[in-house]
Amino acid sequence: MGRTEKRKQWKTVADAVRERDGNVCCVCGQPHVKLNVHHLIPREVKEYWLEPMNLISVCPRHHKYSYTESFHKAPFWGVIYLQYYRPEQYKWVIDTIKGMMNAKTDIINYRSET
């Protein structure tokens, strides 16, 4: 898939996530001209790159500029935020990460047996 097609896919999904979240920052509830869409599981994990449950709308402050309330600079805060304010998304993220860890464990066990 080419870069242009990936951008189109991303724009479609990101717009849908912003709409799902009411076009406001999920943390402060404020609308923002440059509302960001953040990947909860890093976008480098391509399997979940475009999964709406892996995405959340946040203003730039809550995306990466605040040292105390930012998904980038304070990721543990982000986990706690999800747990209390977005429990369905929190459960999806935790279950997905557990699944990823189990798959990796199976690979490690397989390799150690051979």
N, C-alpha and C. Protein backbone atom coordinates (compact mmCIF):
# COMPACT_ATOMS: atom_id res chain seq x y z
N MET A 1 0.84 -1.17 0.00
CA MET A 1 0.00 0.00 0.00
C MET A 1 0.90 1.24 0.00
N GLY A 2 0.60 2.18 -0.87
CA GLY A 2 1.39 3.38 -0.99
C GLY A 2 1.09 4.39 0.11
N ARG A 3 1.97 5.37 0.21
CA ARG A 3 1.85 6.40 1.25
C ARG A 3 0.54 7.19 1.13
N THR A 4 0.14 7.52 -0.09
CA THR A 4 -1.09 8.28 -0.30
C THR A 4 -2.30 7.50 0.19
N GLU A 5 -2.34 6.21 -0.09
CA GLU A 5 -3.46 5.37 0.35
C GLU A 5 -3.49 5.27 1.88
N LYS A 6 -2.31 5.15 2.50
CA LYS A 6 -2.25 5.10 3.97
C LYS A 6 -2.77 6.40 4.57
N ARG A 7 -2.40 7.52 4.00
CA ARG A 7 -2.87 8.82 4.50
C ARG A 7 -4.38 8.93 4.39
N LYS A 8 -4.93 8.46 3.28
CA LYS A 8 -6.39 8.50 3.09
C LYS A 8 -7.08 7.63 4.14
N GLN A 9 -6.54 6.44 4.36
CA GLN A 9 -7.12 5.55 5.37
C GLN A 9 -7.05 6.19 6.75
N TRP A 10 -5.86 6.76 7.07
CA TRP A 10 -5.70 7.39 8.38
C TRP A 10 -6.68 8.54 8.55
N LYS A 11 -6.82 9.40 7.55
CA LYS A 11 -7.72 10.55 7.65
C LYS A 11 -9.16 10.08 7.88
N THR A 12 -9.59 9.07 7.18
CA THR A 12 -10.95 8.55 7.34
C THR A 12 -11.18 8.05 8.77
N VAL A 13 -10.24 7.24 9.27
CA VAL A 13 -10.39 6.68 10.62
C VAL A 13 -10.27 7.78 11.67
N ALA A 14 -9.29 8.67 11.52
CA ALA A 14 -9.10 9.74 12.50
C ALA A 14 -10.32 10.65 12.56
N ASP A 15 -10.90 10.98 11.43
CA ASP A 15 -12.11 11.80 11.41
C ASP A 15 -13.26 11.09 12.12
N ALA A 16 -13.38 9.78 11.91
CA ALA A 16 -14.44 9.00 12.56
C ALA A 16 -14.23 8.96 14.08
N VAL A 17 -12.97 8.87 14.52
CA VAL A 17 -12.68 8.86 15.96
C VAL A 17 -13.00 10.22 16.57
N ARG A 18 -12.62 11.30 15.90
CA ARG A 18 -12.95 12.63 16.41
C ARG A 18 -14.47 12.79 16.55
N GLU A 19 -15.20 12.31 15.54
CA GLU A 19 -16.66 12.40 15.59
C GLU A 19 -17.20 11.54 16.73
N ARG A 20 -16.68 10.32 16.89
CA ARG A 20 -17.11 9.44 17.99
C ARG A 20 -16.92 10.14 19.33
N ASP A 21 -15.82 10.88 19.46
CA ASP A 21 -15.47 11.55 20.72
C ASP A 21 -16.09 12.95 20.83
N GLY A 22 -17.00 13.27 19.94
CA GLY A 22 -17.72 14.54 20.02
C GLY A 22 -16.91 15.75 19.57
N ASN A 23 -15.82 15.52 18.83
CA ASN A 23 -14.95 16.59 18.33
C ASN A 23 -14.40 17.47 19.45
N VAL A 24 -14.14 16.85 20.59
CA VAL A 24 -13.52 17.56 21.71
C VAL A 24 -12.42 16.66 22.30
N CYS A 25 -11.54 17.28 23.07
CA CYS A 25 -10.51 16.53 23.79
C CYS A 25 -11.21 15.65 24.83
N CYS A 26 -10.90 14.38 24.84
CA CYS A 26 -11.52 13.46 25.79
C CYS A 26 -11.11 13.73 27.23
N VAL A 27 -10.02 14.45 27.43
CA VAL A 27 -9.55 14.73 28.78
C VAL A 27 -10.19 16.00 29.34
N CYS A 28 -10.06 17.11 28.62
CA CYS A 28 -10.56 18.39 29.15
C CYS A 28 -11.93 18.78 28.60
N GLY A 29 -12.40 18.07 27.58
CA GLY A 29 -13.72 18.36 27.03
C GLY A 29 -13.79 19.58 26.14
N GLN A 30 -12.63 20.18 25.83
CA GLN A 30 -12.61 21.39 25.03
C GLN A 30 -12.43 21.07 23.54
N PRO A 31 -13.15 21.79 22.67
CA PRO A 31 -12.88 21.67 21.24
C PRO A 31 -11.52 22.30 20.94
N HIS A 32 -10.89 21.86 19.92
CA HIS A 32 -9.58 22.41 19.57
C HIS A 32 -9.42 22.37 18.06
N VAL A 33 -8.84 23.43 17.50
CA VAL A 33 -8.63 23.51 16.05
C VAL A 33 -7.77 22.35 15.57
N LYS A 34 -6.78 21.98 16.35
CA LYS A 34 -5.88 20.89 15.97
C LYS A 34 -6.04 19.71 16.91
N LEU A 35 -7.24 19.17 16.98
CA LEU A 35 -7.52 18.02 17.82
C LEU A 35 -6.73 16.82 17.29
N ASN A 36 -5.87 16.25 18.14
CA ASN A 36 -5.03 15.12 17.76
C ASN A 36 -5.76 13.81 18.00
N VAL A 37 -5.37 12.78 17.27
CA VAL A 37 -5.86 11.43 17.54
C VAL A 37 -4.64 10.61 17.95
N HIS A 38 -4.67 10.11 19.17
CA HIS A 38 -3.53 9.42 19.77
C HIS A 38 -3.71 7.91 19.70
N HIS A 39 -2.62 7.20 19.38
CA HIS A 39 -2.60 5.74 19.41
C HIS A 39 -2.28 5.29 20.83
N LEU A 40 -3.13 4.47 21.41
CA LEU A 40 -2.88 3.95 22.75
C LEU A 40 -1.81 2.86 22.71
N ILE A 41 -1.95 1.94 21.77
CA ILE A 41 -0.88 0.99 21.46
C ILE A 41 -0.12 1.64 20.31
N PRO A 42 1.20 1.75 20.40
CA PRO A 42 1.95 2.51 19.40
C PRO A 42 1.60 2.16 17.96
N ARG A 43 1.61 3.17 17.11
CA ARG A 43 1.24 2.97 15.70
C ARG A 43 2.20 2.05 14.97
N GLU A 44 3.37 1.84 15.54
CA GLU A 44 4.33 0.92 14.93
C GLU A 44 3.82 -0.53 14.97
N VAL A 45 2.88 -0.82 15.85
CA VAL A 45 2.22 -2.13 15.87
C VAL A 45 1.12 -2.06 14.82
N LYS A 46 1.49 -2.38 13.59
CA LYS A 46 0.64 -2.14 12.42
C LYS A 46 -0.73 -2.81 12.50
N GLU A 47 -0.81 -3.91 13.20
CA GLU A 47 -2.05 -4.65 13.33
C GLU A 47 -3.18 -3.78 13.92
N TYR A 48 -2.82 -2.81 14.77
CA TYR A 48 -3.82 -2.00 15.46
C TYR A 48 -3.76 -0.52 15.06
N TRP A 49 -3.01 -0.21 14.04
CA TRP A 49 -2.79 1.16 13.59
C TRP A 49 -4.09 1.91 13.31
N LEU A 50 -5.03 1.24 12.66
CA LEU A 50 -6.29 1.89 12.27
C LEU A 50 -7.49 1.41 13.08
N GLU A 51 -7.25 0.75 14.18
CA GLU A 51 -8.33 0.24 15.03
C GLU A 51 -8.89 1.38 15.89
N PRO A 52 -10.17 1.74 15.72
CA PRO A 52 -10.74 2.86 16.49
C PRO A 52 -10.62 2.70 18.01
N MET A 53 -10.70 1.49 18.53
CA MET A 53 -10.56 1.30 19.98
C MET A 53 -9.15 1.65 20.45
N ASN A 54 -8.20 1.68 19.54
CA ASN A 54 -6.82 2.03 19.87
C ASN A 54 -6.57 3.53 19.78
N LEU A 55 -7.59 4.30 19.50
CA LEU A 55 -7.42 5.73 19.23
C LEU A 55 -8.29 6.57 20.16
N ILE A 56 -7.77 7.74 20.51
CA ILE A 56 -8.49 8.66 21.38
C ILE A 56 -8.20 10.09 20.94
N SER A 57 -9.23 10.95 20.96
CA SER A 57 -9.08 12.35 20.57
C SER A 57 -8.58 13.16 21.76
N VAL A 58 -7.50 13.90 21.56
CA VAL A 58 -6.94 14.73 22.62
C VAL A 58 -6.39 16.03 22.03
N CYS A 59 -6.46 17.09 22.82
CA CYS A 59 -5.86 18.36 22.41
C CYS A 59 -4.33 18.22 22.48
N PRO A 60 -3.59 19.13 21.86
CA PRO A 60 -2.13 19.03 21.90
C PRO A 60 -1.56 18.96 23.31
N ARG A 61 -2.15 19.70 24.24
CA ARG A 61 -1.65 19.66 25.63
C ARG A 61 -1.72 18.25 26.20
N HIS A 62 -2.85 17.60 26.03
CA HIS A 62 -3.02 16.26 26.60
C HIS A 62 -2.43 15.18 25.72
N HIS A 63 -2.06 15.52 24.52
CA HIS A 63 -1.39 14.55 23.66
C HIS A 63 0.08 14.43 24.04
N LYS A 64 0.80 15.57 24.05
CA LYS A 64 2.23 15.42 24.32
C LYS A 64 2.93 16.58 24.99
N TYR A 65 2.23 17.64 25.37
CA TYR A 65 2.94 18.80 25.92
C TYR A 65 2.92 18.91 27.44
N SER A 66 1.93 18.34 28.10
CA SER A 66 1.87 18.43 29.56
C SER A 66 2.75 17.35 30.19
N TYR A 67 3.50 17.72 31.22
CA TYR A 67 4.35 16.74 31.91
C TYR A 67 3.55 15.90 32.90
N THR A 68 2.35 16.35 33.26
CA THR A 68 1.57 15.61 34.25
C THR A 68 0.31 14.96 33.68
N GLU A 69 -0.22 15.47 32.58
CA GLU A 69 -1.45 14.94 31.99
C GLU A 69 -1.29 14.77 30.48
N SER A 70 -0.38 13.90 30.09
CA SER A 70 -0.10 13.70 28.67
C SER A 70 0.08 12.22 28.39
N PHE A 71 -0.48 11.77 27.30
CA PHE A 71 -0.33 10.36 26.93
C PHE A 71 1.11 10.04 26.55
N HIS A 72 1.88 11.04 26.11
CA HIS A 72 3.28 10.79 25.74
C HIS A 72 4.24 10.99 26.90
N LYS A 73 4.11 12.09 27.63
CA LYS A 73 5.08 12.40 28.69
C LYS A 73 4.72 11.78 30.03
N ALA A 74 3.50 11.34 30.18
CA ALA A 74 3.07 10.70 31.44
C ALA A 74 2.18 9.50 31.10
N PRO A 75 2.75 8.48 30.43
CA PRO A 75 1.92 7.36 29.98
C PRO A 75 1.18 6.62 31.09
N PHE A 76 1.78 6.55 32.28
CA PHE A 76 1.07 5.88 33.38
C PHE A 76 -0.20 6.64 33.72
N TRP A 77 -0.13 7.98 33.70
CA TRP A 77 -1.32 8.80 33.89
C TRP A 77 -2.38 8.42 32.85
N GLY A 78 -1.94 8.21 31.60
CA GLY A 78 -2.86 7.85 30.53
C GLY A 78 -3.59 6.54 30.81
N VAL A 79 -2.87 5.57 31.35
CA VAL A 79 -3.49 4.29 31.68
C VAL A 79 -4.56 4.47 32.77
N ILE A 80 -4.20 5.24 33.80
CA ILE A 80 -5.16 5.49 34.89
C ILE A 80 -6.37 6.27 34.36
N TYR A 81 -6.12 7.25 33.49
CA TYR A 81 -7.21 8.02 32.90
C TYR A 81 -8.18 7.08 32.18
N LEU A 82 -7.64 6.20 31.34
CA LEU A 82 -8.49 5.26 30.60
C LEU A 82 -9.29 4.37 31.54
N GLN A 83 -8.62 3.87 32.57
CA GLN A 83 -9.27 2.96 33.51
C GLN A 83 -10.50 3.61 34.15
N TYR A 84 -10.39 4.86 34.52
CA TYR A 84 -11.50 5.53 35.21
C TYR A 84 -12.53 6.17 34.29
N TYR A 85 -12.08 6.72 33.17
CA TYR A 85 -12.99 7.51 32.34
C TYR A 85 -13.39 6.85 31.02
N ARG A 86 -12.65 5.83 30.60
CA ARG A 86 -12.98 5.13 29.36
C ARG A 86 -12.76 3.64 29.56
N PRO A 87 -13.54 3.03 30.48
CA PRO A 87 -13.29 1.64 30.86
C PRO A 87 -13.36 0.63 29.72
N GLU A 88 -14.22 0.86 28.73
CA GLU A 88 -14.28 -0.08 27.61
C GLU A 88 -12.98 -0.05 26.81
N GLN A 89 -12.46 1.16 26.59
CA GLN A 89 -11.20 1.27 25.86
C GLN A 89 -10.05 0.71 26.69
N TYR A 90 -10.06 0.98 27.98
CA TYR A 90 -9.04 0.44 28.88
C TYR A 90 -9.01 -1.08 28.80
N LYS A 91 -10.19 -1.70 28.90
CA LYS A 91 -10.27 -3.17 28.83
C LYS A 91 -9.74 -3.68 27.49
N TRP A 92 -10.11 -3.01 26.39
CA TRP A 92 -9.63 -3.43 25.07
C TRP A 92 -8.11 -3.36 25.01
N VAL A 93 -7.53 -2.25 25.49
CA VAL A 93 -6.06 -2.09 25.45
C VAL A 93 -5.39 -3.17 26.29
N ILE A 94 -5.86 -3.38 27.51
CA ILE A 94 -5.25 -4.38 28.39
C ILE A 94 -5.37 -5.78 27.79
N ASP A 95 -6.54 -6.15 27.30
CA ASP A 95 -6.72 -7.47 26.70
C ASP A 95 -5.85 -7.65 25.46
N THR A 96 -5.73 -6.60 24.67
CA THR A 96 -4.91 -6.67 23.46
C THR A 96 -3.44 -6.84 23.82
N ILE A 97 -2.97 -6.08 24.80
CA ILE A 97 -1.57 -6.20 25.21
C ILE A 97 -1.30 -7.58 25.80
N LYS A 98 -2.24 -8.09 26.60
CA LYS A 98 -2.08 -9.44 27.15
C LYS A 98 -1.96 -10.46 26.02
N GLY A 99 -2.81 -10.31 25.02
CA GLY A 99 -2.75 -11.21 23.87
C GLY A 99 -1.42 -11.12 23.14
N MET A 100 -0.90 -9.90 22.99
CA MET A 100 0.40 -9.72 22.35
C MET A 100 1.50 -10.38 23.17
N MET A 101 1.41 -10.25 24.50
CA MET A 101 2.41 -10.86 25.37
C MET A 101 2.33 -12.38 25.33
N ASN A 102 1.12 -12.93 25.31
CA ASN A 102 0.95 -14.37 25.22
C ASN A 102 1.51 -14.91 23.91
N ALA A 103 1.27 -14.21 22.84
CA ALA A 103 1.79 -14.63 21.54
C ALA A 103 3.32 -14.63 21.56
N LYS A 104 3.89 -13.60 22.17
CA LYS A 104 5.35 -13.53 22.26
C LYS A 104 5.88 -14.65 23.14
N THR A 105 5.20 -14.94 24.25
CA THR A 105 5.60 -16.02 25.14
C THR A 105 5.58 -17.34 24.39
N ASP A 106 4.54 -17.56 23.58
CA ASP A 106 4.48 -18.80 22.80
C ASP A 106 5.66 -18.92 21.87
N ILE A 107 6.06 -17.82 21.24
CA ILE A 107 7.22 -17.84 20.35
C ILE A 107 8.48 -18.15 21.13
N ILE A 108 8.63 -17.51 22.30
CA ILE A 108 9.82 -17.76 23.13
C ILE A 108 9.84 -19.21 23.57
N ASN A 109 8.71 -19.76 24.02
CA ASN A 109 8.66 -21.16 24.43
C ASN A 109 8.97 -22.09 23.27
N TYR A 110 8.45 -21.78 22.09
CA TYR A 110 8.72 -22.61 20.92
C TYR A 110 10.20 -22.62 20.59
N ARG A 111 10.81 -21.44 20.63
CA ARG A 111 12.23 -21.35 20.31
C ARG A 111 13.09 -22.08 21.33
N SER A 112 12.70 -22.04 22.59
CA SER A 112 13.52 -22.69 23.62
C SER A 112 13.38 -24.21 23.57
N GLU A 113 12.27 -24.69 23.00
CA GLU A 113 12.07 -26.14 22.90
C GLU A 113 12.85 -26.74 21.74
N THR A 114 13.17 -25.96 20.74
CA THR A 114 13.86 -26.51 19.56
C THR A 114 15.35 -26.49 19.72
